[in-house]
PDB file of N, CA and C in Angstrom:
ATOM      1  N   MET A   1       0.844  -1.170   0.000  1.00  0.00           N
ATOM      2  CA  MET A   1       0.000   0.000   0.000  1.00  0.00           C
ATOM      3  C   MET A   1       0.886   1.227   0.000  1.00  0.00           C
ATOM      4  N   LEU A   2       0.571   2.189  -0.856  1.00  0.00           N
ATOM      5  CA  LEU A   2       1.286   3.441  -0.917  1.00  0.00           C
ATOM      6  C   LEU A   2       0.701   4.370   0.123  1.00  0.00           C
ATOM      7  N   GLU A   3       1.560   4.972   0.925  1.00  0.00           N
ATOM      8  CA  GLU A   3       1.080   5.907   1.926  1.00  0.00           C
ATOM      9  C   GLU A   3       2.007   7.103   1.945  1.00  0.00           C
ATOM     10  N   VAL A   4       1.421   8.293   1.879  1.00  0.00           N
ATOM     11  CA  VAL A   4       2.189   9.523   1.907  1.00  0.00           C
ATOM     12  C   VAL A   4       1.678  10.339   3.069  1.00  0.00           C
ATOM     13  N   SER A   5       2.570  10.861   3.896  1.00  0.00           N
ATOM     14  CA  SER A   5       2.175  11.675   5.041  1.00  0.00           C
ATOM     15  C   SER A   5       2.566  13.119   4.805  1.00  0.00           C
ATOM     16  N   TYR A   6       1.713  14.017   5.282  1.00  0.00           N
ATOM     17  CA  TYR A   6       1.978  15.435   5.177  1.00  0.00           C
ATOM     18  C   TYR A   6       1.818  16.050   6.556  1.00  0.00           C
ATOM     19  N   ASP A   7       2.846  16.710   7.044  1.00  0.00           N
ATOM     20  CA  ASP A   7       2.755  17.408   8.318  1.00  0.00           C
ATOM     21  C   ASP A   7       2.323  18.825   8.007  1.00  0.00           C
ATOM     22  N   THR A   8       1.198  19.264   8.583  1.00  0.00           N
ATOM     23  CA  THR A   8       0.631  20.547   8.201  1.00  0.00           C
ATOM     24  C   THR A   8       0.838  21.632   9.239  1.00  0.00           C
ATOM     25  N   GLY A   9       1.619  21.381  10.274  1.00  0.00           N
ATOM     26  CA  GLY A   9       1.835  22.415  11.275  1.00  0.00           C
ATOM     27  C   GLY A   9       2.958  22.059  12.219  1.00  0.00           C
ATOM     28  N   ASP A  10       3.335  23.049  13.016  1.00  0.00           N
ATOM     29  CA  ASP A  10       4.421  22.855  13.960  1.00  0.00           C
ATOM     30  C   ASP A  10       3.937  22.453  15.344  1.00  0.00           C
ATOM     31  N   GLU A  11       2.665  22.544  15.587  1.00  0.00           N
ATOM     32  CA  GLU A  11       2.122  22.202  16.897  1.00  0.00           C
ATOM     33  C   GLU A  11       2.173  20.703  17.116  1.00  0.00           C
ATOM     34  N   PRO A  12       2.588  20.253  18.311  1.00  0.00           N
ATOM     35  CA  PRO A  12       2.685  18.810  18.556  1.00  0.00           C
ATOM     36  C   PRO A  12       1.356  18.086  18.477  1.00  0.00           C
ATOM     37  N   GLU A  13       0.249  18.793  18.724  1.00  0.00           N
ATOM     38  CA  GLU A  13      -1.047  18.115  18.670  1.00  0.00           C
ATOM     39  C   GLU A  13      -1.549  17.932  17.244  1.00  0.00           C
ATOM     40  N   ASP A  14      -0.905  18.582  16.270  1.00  0.00           N
ATOM     41  CA  ASP A  14      -1.291  18.390  14.879  1.00  0.00           C
ATOM     42  C   ASP A  14      -0.949  16.973  14.448  1.00  0.00           C
ATOM     43  N   GLN A  15      -1.880  16.324  13.788  1.00  0.00           N
ATOM     44  CA  GLN A  15      -1.661  14.976  13.281  1.00  0.00           C
ATOM     45  C   GLN A  15      -1.408  15.046  11.785  1.00  0.00           C
ATOM     46  N   PRO A  16      -0.494  14.223  11.257  1.00  0.00           N
ATOM     47  CA  PRO A  16      -0.276  14.219   9.813  1.00  0.00           C
ATOM     48  C   PRO A  16      -1.544  13.780   9.081  1.00  0.00           C
ATOM     49  N   GLN A  17      -1.745  14.333   7.900  1.00  0.00           N
ATOM     50  CA  GLN A  17      -2.856  13.918   7.070  1.00  0.00           C
ATOM     51  C   GLN A  17      -2.319  12.858   6.134  1.00  0.00           C
ATOM     52  N   ARG A  18      -2.956  11.710   6.097  1.00  0.00           N
ATOM     53  CA  ARG A  18      -2.438  10.582   5.333  1.00  0.00           C
ATOM     54  C   ARG A  18      -3.338  10.273   4.150  1.00  0.00           C
ATOM     55  N   LEU A  19      -2.697   9.992   3.031  1.00  0.00           N
ATOM     56  CA  LEU A  19      -3.400   9.566   1.826  1.00  0.00           C
ATOM     57  C   LEU A  19      -2.957   8.147   1.527  1.00  0.00           C
ATOM     58  N   SER A  20      -3.900   7.319   1.111  1.00  0.00           N
ATOM     59  CA  SER A  20      -3.518   5.967   0.719  1.00  0.00           C
ATOM     60  C   SER A  20      -4.508   5.427  -0.302  1.00  0.00           C
ATOM     61  N   ALA A  21      -4.037   4.459  -1.061  1.00  0.00           N
ATOM     62  CA  ALA A  21      -4.874   3.731  -2.014  1.00  0.00           C
ATOM     63  C   ALA A  21      -4.647   2.255  -1.744  1.00  0.00           C
ATOM     64  N   TYR A  22      -5.741   1.513  -1.579  1.00  0.00           N
ATOM     65  CA  TYR A  22      -5.608   0.080  -1.319  1.00  0.00           C
ATOM     66  C   TYR A  22      -6.682  -0.676  -2.083  1.00  0.00           C
ATOM     67  N   PRO A  23      -6.361  -1.705  -2.823  1.00  0.00           N
ATOM     68  CA  PRO A  23      -5.000  -2.146  -3.112  1.00  0.00           C
ATOM     69  C   PRO A  23      -4.324  -1.208  -4.105  1.00  0.00           C
ATOM     70  N   ASN A  24      -3.021  -1.260  -4.112  1.00  0.00           N
ATOM     71  CA  ASN A  24      -2.223  -0.450  -5.026  1.00  0.00           C
ATOM     72  C   ASN A  24      -0.929  -1.193  -5.299  1.00  0.00           C
ATOM     73  N   PRO A  25      -0.726  -1.688  -6.522  1.00  0.00           N
ATOM     74  CA  PRO A  25      -1.538  -1.524  -7.733  1.00  0.00           C
ATOM     75  C   PRO A  25      -2.883  -2.262  -7.626  1.00  0.00           C
ATOM     76  N   PHE A  26      -3.812  -1.878  -8.508  1.00  0.00           N
ATOM     77  CA  PHE A  26      -5.137  -2.495  -8.495  1.00  0.00           C
ATOM     78  C   PHE A  26      -5.546  -2.917  -9.899  1.00  0.00           C
ATOM     79  N   HIS A  27      -6.546  -3.835  -9.957  1.00  0.00           N
ATOM     80  CA  HIS A  27      -7.026  -4.363 -11.243  1.00  0.00           C
ATOM     81  C   HIS A  27      -8.379  -3.766 -11.636  1.00  0.00           C
ATOM     82  N   SER A  28      -9.315  -3.761 -10.702  1.00  0.00           N
ATOM     83  CA  SER A  28     -10.657  -3.297 -11.066  1.00  0.00           C
ATOM     84  C   SER A  28     -11.125  -2.114 -10.222  1.00  0.00           C
ATOM     85  N   SER A  29     -10.736  -2.047  -8.962  1.00  0.00           N
ATOM     86  CA  SER A  29     -11.104  -0.902  -8.134  1.00  0.00           C
ATOM     87  C   SER A  29     -10.106  -0.759  -6.996  1.00  0.00           C
ATOM     88  N   THR A  30     -10.035   0.461  -6.481  1.00  0.00           N
ATOM     89  CA  THR A  30      -9.165   0.758  -5.346  1.00  0.00           C
ATOM     90  C   THR A  30      -9.925   1.677  -4.404  1.00  0.00           C
ATOM     91  N   THR A  31      -9.581   1.628  -3.140  1.00  0.00           N
ATOM     92  CA  THR A  31     -10.191   2.501  -2.155  1.00  0.00           C
ATOM     93  C   THR A  31      -9.203   3.601  -1.818  1.00  0.00           C
ATOM     94  N   LEU A  32      -9.608   4.832  -2.059  1.00  0.00           N
ATOM     95  CA  LEU A  32      -8.792   5.999  -1.768  1.00  0.00           C
ATOM     96  C   LEU A  32      -9.183   6.508  -0.392  1.00  0.00           C
ATOM     97  N   SER A  33      -8.207   6.626   0.498  1.00  0.00           N
ATOM     98  CA  SER A  33      -8.474   7.008   1.885  1.00  0.00           C
ATOM     99  C   SER A  33      -7.627   8.200   2.276  1.00  0.00           C
ATOM    100  N   PHE A  34      -8.152   8.986   3.201  1.00  0.00           N
ATOM    101  CA  PHE A  34      -7.378  10.070   3.783  1.00  0.00           C
ATOM    102  C   PHE A  34      -7.923  10.377   5.167  1.00  0.00           C
ATOM    103  N   SER A  35      -7.083  10.967   5.968  1.00  0.00           N
ATOM    104  CA  SER A  35      -7.505  11.410   7.292  1.00  0.00           C
ATOM    105  C   SER A  35      -7.381  12.922   7.347  1.00  0.00           C
ATOM    106  N   SER A  36      -8.170  13.515   8.196  1.00  0.00           N
ATOM    107  CA  SER A  36      -8.139  14.966   8.348  1.00  0.00           C
ATOM    108  C   SER A  36      -7.999  15.309   9.824  1.00  0.00           C
ATOM    109  N   LYS A  37      -7.396  16.460  10.084  1.00  0.00           N
ATOM    110  CA  LYS A  37      -7.203  16.898  11.469  1.00  0.00           C
ATOM    111  C   LYS A  37      -8.527  17.265  12.115  1.00  0.00           C
ATOM    112  N   GLU A  38      -9.470  17.710  11.319  1.00  0.00           N
ATOM    113  CA  GLU A  38     -10.752  18.159  11.830  1.00  0.00           C
ATOM    114  C   GLU A  38     -11.862  17.430  11.104  1.00  0.00           C
ATOM    115  N   SER A  39     -13.030  17.489  11.661  1.00  0.00           N
ATOM    116  CA  SER A  39     -14.195  16.935  10.988  1.00  0.00           C
ATOM    117  C   SER A  39     -14.494  17.789   9.763  1.00  0.00           C
ATOM    118  N   ILE A  40     -14.981  17.149   8.705  1.00  0.00           N
ATOM    119  CA  ILE A  40     -15.315  17.877   7.479  1.00  0.00           C
ATOM    120  C   ILE A  40     -16.728  17.525   7.046  1.00  0.00           C
ATOM    121  N   GLN A  41     -17.301  18.365   6.227  1.00  0.00           N
ATOM    122  CA  GLN A  41     -18.637  18.107   5.701  1.00  0.00           C
ATOM    123  C   GLN A  41     -18.583  17.493   4.310  1.00  0.00           C
ATOM    124  N   ASN A  42     -17.627  17.910   3.505  1.00  0.00           N
ATOM    125  CA  ASN A  42     -17.513  17.359   2.155  1.00  0.00           C
ATOM    126  C   ASN A  42     -16.072  17.450   1.679  1.00  0.00           C
ATOM    127  N   ALA A  43     -15.779  16.663   0.688  1.00  0.00           N
ATOM    128  CA  ALA A  43     -14.432  16.640   0.105  1.00  0.00           C
ATOM    129  C   ALA A  43     -14.560  16.208  -1.341  1.00  0.00           C
ATOM    130  N   GLU A  44     -13.493  16.430  -2.082  1.00  0.00           N
ATOM    131  CA  GLU A  44     -13.462  15.960  -3.447  1.00  0.00           C
ATOM    132  C   GLU A  44     -12.094  15.372  -3.738  1.00  0.00           C
ATOM    133  N   ILE A  45     -12.106  14.375  -4.586  1.00  0.00           N
ATOM    134  CA  ILE A  45     -10.873  13.752  -5.037  1.00  0.00           C
ATOM    135  C   ILE A  45     -10.870  13.837  -6.554  1.00  0.00           C
ATOM    136  N   LYS A  46      -9.822  14.430  -7.099  1.00  0.00           N
ATOM    137  CA  LYS A  46      -9.670  14.524  -8.544  1.00  0.00           C
ATOM    138  C   LYS A  46      -8.589  13.539  -8.966  1.00  0.00           C
ATOM    139  N   ILE A  47      -8.878  12.785 -10.010  1.00  0.00           N
ATOM    140  CA  ILE A  47      -7.951  11.776 -10.519  1.00  0.00           C
ATOM    141  C   ILE A  47      -7.460  12.237 -11.891  1.00  0.00           C
ATOM    142  N   TYR A  48      -6.133  12.222 -12.043  1.00  0.00           N
ATOM    143  CA  TYR A  48      -5.492  12.689 -13.270  1.00  0.00           C
ATOM    144  C   TYR A  48      -4.664  11.565 -13.883  1.00  0.00           C
ATOM    145  N   ASN A  49      -4.563  11.565 -15.223  1.00  0.00           N
ATOM    146  CA  ASN A  49      -3.672  10.608 -15.889  1.00  0.00           C
ATOM    147  C   ASN A  49      -2.252  11.172 -15.896  1.00  0.00           C
ATOM    148  N   ILE A  50      -1.333  10.432 -16.452  1.00  0.00           N
ATOM    149  CA  ILE A  50       0.079  10.806 -16.460  1.00  0.00           C
ATOM    150  C   ILE A  50       0.328  12.094 -17.251  1.00  0.00           C
ATOM    151  N   LYS A  51      -0.587  12.436 -18.166  1.00  0.00           N
ATOM    152  CA  LYS A  51      -0.463  13.665 -18.947  1.00  0.00           C
ATOM    153  C   LYS A  51      -1.001  14.885 -18.198  1.00  0.00           C
ATOM    154  N   GLY A  52      -1.586  14.656 -17.024  1.00  0.00           N
ATOM    155  CA  GLY A  52      -2.145  15.752 -16.246  1.00  0.00           C
ATOM    156  C   GLY A  52      -3.578  16.076 -16.601  1.00  0.00           C
ATOM    157  N   GLN A  53      -4.218  15.225 -17.410  1.00  0.00           N
ATOM    158  CA  GLN A  53      -5.616  15.443 -17.804  1.00  0.00           C
ATOM    159  C   GLN A  53      -6.547  14.892 -16.729  1.00  0.00           C
ATOM    160  N   LEU A  54      -7.578  15.661 -16.401  1.00  0.00           N
ATOM    161  CA  LEU A  54      -8.556  15.208 -15.417  1.00  0.00           C
ATOM    162  C   LEU A  54      -9.323  14.015 -15.971  1.00  0.00           C
ATOM    163  N   VAL A  55      -9.294  12.914 -15.244  1.00  0.00           N
ATOM    164  CA  VAL A  55      -9.959  11.684 -15.663  1.00  0.00           C
ATOM    165  C   VAL A  55     -11.311  11.546 -14.961  1.00  0.00           C
ATOM    166  N   ARG A  56     -11.316  11.828 -13.668  1.00  0.00           N
ATOM    167  CA  ARG A  56     -12.533  11.599 -12.872  1.00  0.00           C
ATOM    168  C   ARG A  56     -12.520  12.504 -11.661  1.00  0.00           C
ATOM    169  N   GLU A  57     -13.688  12.926 -11.243  1.00  0.00           N
ATOM    170  CA  GLU A  57     -13.838  13.718 -10.034  1.00  0.00           C
ATOM    171  C   GLU A  57     -14.832  12.992  -9.131  1.00  0.00           C
ATOM    172  N   LEU A  58     -14.399  12.695  -7.930  1.00  0.00           N
ATOM    173  CA  LEU A  58     -15.252  12.004  -6.966  1.00  0.00           C
ATOM    174  C   LEU A  58     -15.578  12.974  -5.848  1.00  0.00           C
ATOM    175  N   ARG A  59     -16.841  13.230  -5.636  1.00  0.00           N
ATOM    176  CA  ARG A  59     -17.283  14.112  -4.552  1.00  0.00           C
ATOM    177  C   ARG A  59     -18.145  13.299  -3.610  1.00  0.00           C
ATOM    178  N   PHE A  60     -18.000  13.579  -2.355  1.00  0.00           N
ATOM    179  CA  PHE A  60     -18.820  12.857  -1.395  1.00  0.00           C
ATOM    180  C   PHE A  60     -18.984  13.662  -0.132  1.00  0.00           C
ATOM    181  N   ASP A  61     -20.073  13.402   0.547  1.00  0.00           N
ATOM    182  CA  ASP A  61     -20.324  13.994   1.848  1.00  0.00           C
ATOM    183  C   ASP A  61     -19.806  13.039   2.897  1.00  0.00           C
ATOM    184  N   ALA A  62     -19.010  13.558   3.785  1.00  0.00           N
ATOM    185  CA  ALA A  62     -18.439  12.742   4.845  1.00  0.00           C
ATOM    186  C   ALA A  62     -19.244  12.926   6.118  1.00  0.00           C
ATOM    187  N   SER A  63     -19.128  11.965   6.988  1.00  0.00           N
ATOM    188  CA  SER A  63     -19.739  12.095   8.293  1.00  0.00           C
ATOM    189  C   SER A  63     -19.058  13.244   9.028  1.00  0.00           C
ATOM    190  N   PRO A  64     -19.815  14.181   9.567  1.00  0.00           N
ATOM    191  CA  PRO A  64     -19.186  15.318  10.242  1.00  0.00           C
ATOM    192  C   PRO A  64     -18.414  14.914  11.502  1.00  0.00           C
ATOM    193  N   LEU A  65     -18.618  13.700  11.981  1.00  0.00           N
ATOM    194  CA  LEU A  65     -17.931  13.259  13.189  1.00  0.00           C
ATOM    195  C   LEU A  65     -16.663  12.465  12.900  1.00  0.00           C
ATOM    196  N   SER A  66     -16.497  12.049  11.661  1.00  0.00           N
ATOM    197  CA  SER A  66     -15.371  11.196  11.310  1.00  0.00           C
ATOM    198  C   SER A  66     -14.168  12.009  10.853  1.00  0.00           C
ATOM    199  N   ARG A  67     -12.974  11.507  11.158  1.00  0.00           N
ATOM    200  CA  ARG A  67     -11.748  12.132  10.674  1.00  0.00           C
ATOM    201  C   ARG A  67     -11.020  11.217   9.691  1.00  0.00           C
ATOM    202  N   PHE A  68     -11.593  10.065   9.429  1.00  0.00           N
ATOM    203  CA  PHE A  68     -11.049   9.126   8.454  1.00  0.00           C
ATOM    204  C   PHE A  68     -12.096   8.949   7.366  1.00  0.00           C
ATOM    205  N   HIS A  69     -11.685   9.110   6.114  1.00  0.00           N
ATOM    206  CA  HIS A  69     -12.630   9.113   4.997  1.00  0.00           C
ATOM    207  C   HIS A  69     -12.114   8.215   3.885  1.00  0.00           C
ATOM    208  N   GLN A  70     -13.035   7.574   3.186  1.00  0.00           N
ATOM    209  CA  GLN A  70     -12.630   6.730   2.069  1.00  0.00           C
ATOM    210  C   GLN A  70     -13.726   6.667   1.020  1.00  0.00           C
ATOM    211  N   ILE A  71     -13.285   6.449  -0.214  1.00  0.00           N
ATOM    212  CA  ILE A  71     -14.199   6.321  -1.345  1.00  0.00           C
ATOM    213  C   ILE A  71     -13.549   5.383  -2.355  1.00  0.00           C
ATOM    214  N   SER A  72     -14.349   4.637  -3.063  1.00  0.00           N
ATOM    215  CA  SER A  72     -13.837   3.668  -4.026  1.00  0.00           C
ATOM    216  C   SER A  72     -13.837   4.276  -5.426  1.00  0.00           C
ATOM    217  N   TRP A  73     -12.777   3.973  -6.176  1.00  0.00           N
ATOM    218  CA  TRP A  73     -12.708   4.354  -7.595  1.00  0.00           C
ATOM    219  C   TRP A  73     -12.649   3.070  -8.406  1.00  0.00           C
ATOM    220  N   ASP A  74     -13.563   2.928  -9.352  1.00  0.00           N
ATOM    221  CA  ASP A  74     -13.695   1.701 -10.137  1.00  0.00           C
ATOM    222  C   ASP A  74     -12.892   1.699 -11.433  1.00  0.00           C
ATOM    223  N   GLY A  75     -11.975   2.635 -11.604  1.00  0.00           N
ATOM    224  CA  GLY A  75     -11.131   2.651 -12.795  1.00  0.00           C
ATOM    225  C   GLY A  75     -11.847   3.148 -14.039  1.00  0.00           C
ATOM    226  N   THR A  76     -12.867   3.973 -13.849  1.00  0.00           N
ATOM    227  CA  THR A  76     -13.580   4.535 -14.992  1.00  0.00           C
ATOM    228  C   THR A  76     -13.388   6.042 -15.036  1.00  0.00           C
ATOM    229  N   ASP A  77     -13.608   6.614 -16.230  1.00  0.00           N
ATOM    230  CA  ASP A  77     -13.494   8.058 -16.378  1.00  0.00           C
ATOM    231  C   ASP A  77     -14.833   8.724 -16.079  1.00  0.00           C
ATOM    232  N   LYS A  78     -14.898  10.027 -16.313  1.00  0.00           N
ATOM    233  CA  LYS A  78     -16.115  10.787 -15.999  1.00  0.00           C
ATOM    234  C   LYS A  78     -17.315  10.379 -16.849  1.00  0.00           C
ATOM    235  N   ASN A  79     -17.071   9.665 -17.964  1.00  0.00           N
ATOM    236  CA  ASN A  79     -18.156   9.192 -18.824  1.00  0.00           C
ATOM    237  C   ASN A  79     -18.519   7.730 -18.560  1.00  0.00           C
ATOM    238  N   GLY A  80     -17.861   7.113 -17.585  1.00  0.00           N
ATOM    239  CA  GLY A  80     -18.139   5.720 -17.265  1.00  0.00           C
ATOM    240  C   GLY A  80     -17.340   4.722 -18.081  1.00  0.00           C
ATOM    241  N   ASN A  81     -16.410   5.202 -18.899  1.00  0.00           N
ATOM    242  CA  ASN A  81     -15.571   4.316 -19.704  1.00  0.00           C
ATOM    243  C   ASN A  81     -14.387   3.820 -18.892  1.00  0.00           C
ATOM    244  N   MET A  82     -14.007   2.559 -19.110  1.00  0.00           N
ATOM    245  CA  MET A  82     -12.842   2.003 -18.431  1.00  0.00           C
ATOM    246  C   MET A  82     -11.589   2.724 -18.925  1.00  0.00           C
ATOM    247  N   VAL A  83     -10.750   3.154 -17.995  1.00  0.00           N
ATOM    248  CA  VAL A  83      -9.493   3.782 -18.387  1.00  0.00           C
ATOM    249  C   VAL A  83      -8.441   2.696 -18.580  1.00  0.00           C
ATOM    250  N   SER A  84      -7.381   3.033 -19.275  1.00  0.00           N
ATOM    251  CA  SER A  84      -6.343   2.041 -19.579  1.00  0.00           C
ATOM    252  C   SER A  84      -5.389   1.870 -18.401  1.00  0.00           C
ATOM    253  N   SER A  85      -4.609   0.805 -18.480  1.00  0.00           N
ATOM    254  CA  SER A  85      -3.580   0.565 -17.472  1.00  0.00           C
ATOM    255  C   SER A  85      -2.641   1.757 -17.437  1.00  0.00           C
ATOM    256  N   GLY A  86      -2.156   2.073 -16.247  1.00  0.00           N
ATOM    257  CA  GLY A  86      -1.204   3.170 -16.153  1.00  0.00           C
ATOM    258  C   GLY A  86      -1.165   3.769 -14.766  1.00  0.00           C
ATOM    259  N   LEU A  87      -0.362   4.790 -14.648  1.00  0.00           N
ATOM    260  CA  LEU A  87      -0.182   5.512 -13.400  1.00  0.00           C
ATOM    261  C   LEU A  87      -1.179   6.661 -13.357  1.00  0.00           C
ATOM    262  N   TYR A  88      -1.858   6.811 -12.237  1.00  0.00           N
ATOM    263  CA  TYR A  88      -2.833   7.873 -12.041  1.00  0.00           C
ATOM    264  C   TYR A  88      -2.516   8.607 -10.753  1.00  0.00           C
ATOM    265  N   TYR A  89      -2.711   9.908 -10.788  1.00  0.00           N
ATOM    266  CA  TYR A  89      -2.508  10.740  -9.610  1.00  0.00           C
ATOM    267  C   TYR A  89      -3.870  11.126  -9.063  1.00  0.00           C
ATOM    268  N   TYR A  90      -3.989  11.157  -7.750  1.00  0.00           N
ATOM    269  CA  TYR A  90      -5.223  11.635  -7.149  1.00  0.00           C
ATOM    270  C   TYR A  90      -4.905  12.720  -6.147  1.00  0.00           C
ATOM    271  N   GLN A  91      -5.766  13.720  -6.142  1.00  0.00           N
ATOM    272  CA  GLN A  91      -5.575  14.900  -5.307  1.00  0.00           C
ATOM    273  C   GLN A  91      -6.807  15.073  -4.424  1.00  0.00           C
ATOM    274  N   VAL A  92      -6.577  15.227  -3.133  1.00  0.00           N
ATOM    275  CA  VAL A  92      -7.674  15.389  -2.175  1.00  0.00           C
ATOM    276  C   VAL A  92      -7.787  16.862  -1.812  1.00  0.00           C
ATOM    277  N   LYS A  93      -8.997  17.367  -1.916  1.00  0.00           N
ATOM    278  CA  LYS A  93      -9.251  18.772  -1.630  1.00  0.00           C
ATOM    279  C   LYS A  93     -10.424  18.874  -0.662  1.00  0.00           C
ATOM    280  N   ILE A  94     -10.237  19.667   0.384  1.00  0.00           N
ATOM    281  CA  ILE A  94     -11.302  19.948   1.347  1.00  0.00           C
ATOM    282  C   ILE A  94     -11.530  21.447   1.303  1.00  0.00           C
ATOM    283  N   GLY A  95     -12.713  21.844   0.860  1.00  0.00           N
ATOM    284  CA  GLY A  95     -12.977  23.267   0.681  1.00  0.00           C
ATOM    285  C   GLY A  95     -12.032  23.825  -0.367  1.00  0.00           C
ATOM    286  N   ASP A  96     -11.283  24.871  -0.014  1.00  0.00           N
ATOM    287  CA  ASP A  96     -10.309  25.461  -0.932  1.00  0.00           C
ATOM    288  C   ASP A  96      -8.905  24.918  -0.715  1.00  0.00           C
ATOM    289  N   ASP A  97      -8.740  24.010   0.255  1.00  0.00           N
ATOM    290  CA  ASP A  97      -7.414  23.508   0.611  1.00  0.00           C
ATOM    291  C   ASP A  97      -7.129  22.143   0.007  1.00  0.00           C
ATOM    292  N   ILE A  98      -6.003  22.041  -0.690  1.00  0.00           N
ATOM    293  CA  ILE A  98      -5.533  20.747  -1.180  1.00  0.00           C
ATOM    294  C   ILE A  98      -4.727  20.131  -0.047  1.00  0.00           C
ATOM    295  N   ILE A  99      -5.163  18.961   0.434  1.00  0.00           N
ATOM    296  CA  ILE A  99      -4.439  18.371   1.560  1.00  0.00           C
ATOM    297  C   ILE A  99      -3.360  17.399   1.104  1.00  0.00           C
ATOM    298  N   GLY A 100      -3.369  17.042  -0.170  1.00  0.00           N
ATOM    299  CA  GLY A 100      -2.296  16.188  -0.659  1.00  0.00           C
ATOM    300  C   GLY A 100      -2.590  15.573  -2.001  1.00  0.00           C
ATOM    301  N   THR A 101      -1.521  15.058  -2.597  1.00  0.00           N
ATOM    302  CA  THR A 101      -1.589  14.378  -3.878  1.00  0.00           C
ATOM    303  C   THR A 101      -0.769  13.095  -3.761  1.00  0.00           C
ATOM    304  N   SER A 102      -1.276  12.024  -4.319  1.00  0.00           N
ATOM    305  CA  SER A 102      -0.554  10.765  -4.306  1.00  0.00           C
ATOM    306  C   SER A 102      -0.812  10.049  -5.629  1.00  0.00           C
ATOM    307  N   LYS A 103      -0.358   8.817  -5.740  1.00  0.00           N
ATOM    308  CA  LYS A 103      -0.515   8.098  -7.013  1.00  0.00           C
ATOM    309  C   LYS A 103      -0.956   6.666  -6.772  1.00  0.00           C
ATOM    310  N   CYS A 104      -1.567   6.111  -7.806  1.00  0.00           N
ATOM    311  CA  CYS A 104      -1.945   4.699  -7.780  1.00  0.00           C
ATOM    312  C   CYS A 104      -1.715   4.138  -9.184  1.00  0.00           C
ATOM    313  N   LEU A 105      -1.564   2.838  -9.231  1.00  0.00           N
ATOM    314  CA  LEU A 105      -1.227   2.152 -10.474  1.00  0.00           C
ATOM    315  C   LEU A 105      -2.352   1.185 -10.838  1.00  0.00           C
ATOM    316  N   LEU A 106      -2.935   1.359 -12.011  1.00  0.00           N
ATOM    317  CA  LEU A 106      -3.978   0.482 -12.518  1.00  0.00           C
ATOM    318  C   LEU A 106      -3.352  -0.481 -13.502  1.00  0.00           C
ATOM    319  N   ILE A 107      -3.560  -1.783 -13.275  1.00  0.00           N
ATOM    320  CA  ILE A 107      -3.039  -2.824 -14.163  1.00  0.00           C
ATOM    321  C   ILE A 107      -4.240  -3.652 -14.643  1.00  0.00           C
ATOM    322  N   ARG A 108      -4.603  -3.484 -15.893  1.00  0.00           N
ATOM    323  CA  ARG A 108      -5.699  -4.257 -16.481  1.00  0.00           C
ATOM    324  C   ARG A 108      -5.171  -5.639 -16.866  1.00  0.00           C
ATOM    325  N   GLU A 109      -5.992  -6.644 -16.689  1.00  0.00           N
ATOM    326  CA  GLU A 109      -5.596  -8.011 -17.059  1.00  0.00           C
ATOM    327  C   GLU A 109      -6.053  -8.346 -18.452  1.00  0.00           C
TER     328      GLU A 109
END
């Protein structure tokens, strides 16, 4: 599993925000997860191909009490078409703040 940590402050009580994709690499779907320091109402994850083109945008409402969030990506683009094998970047944004960017690898059989 790929995991990237980002430290967002100097205060000791600040917790790193973690991004992960599991499984990674994946064949048909992967679960994109992240944690936040505070409760959130909504978030979006944008998925880009290696050329930097937006492939898919996933928006979801999170539980306002949870600090751990996850959503599944089925390897399709914004039109529902299966994307090809390759490296994809995903970016997590809460409100106007980008909390991180990571990558996942899709391997079609």
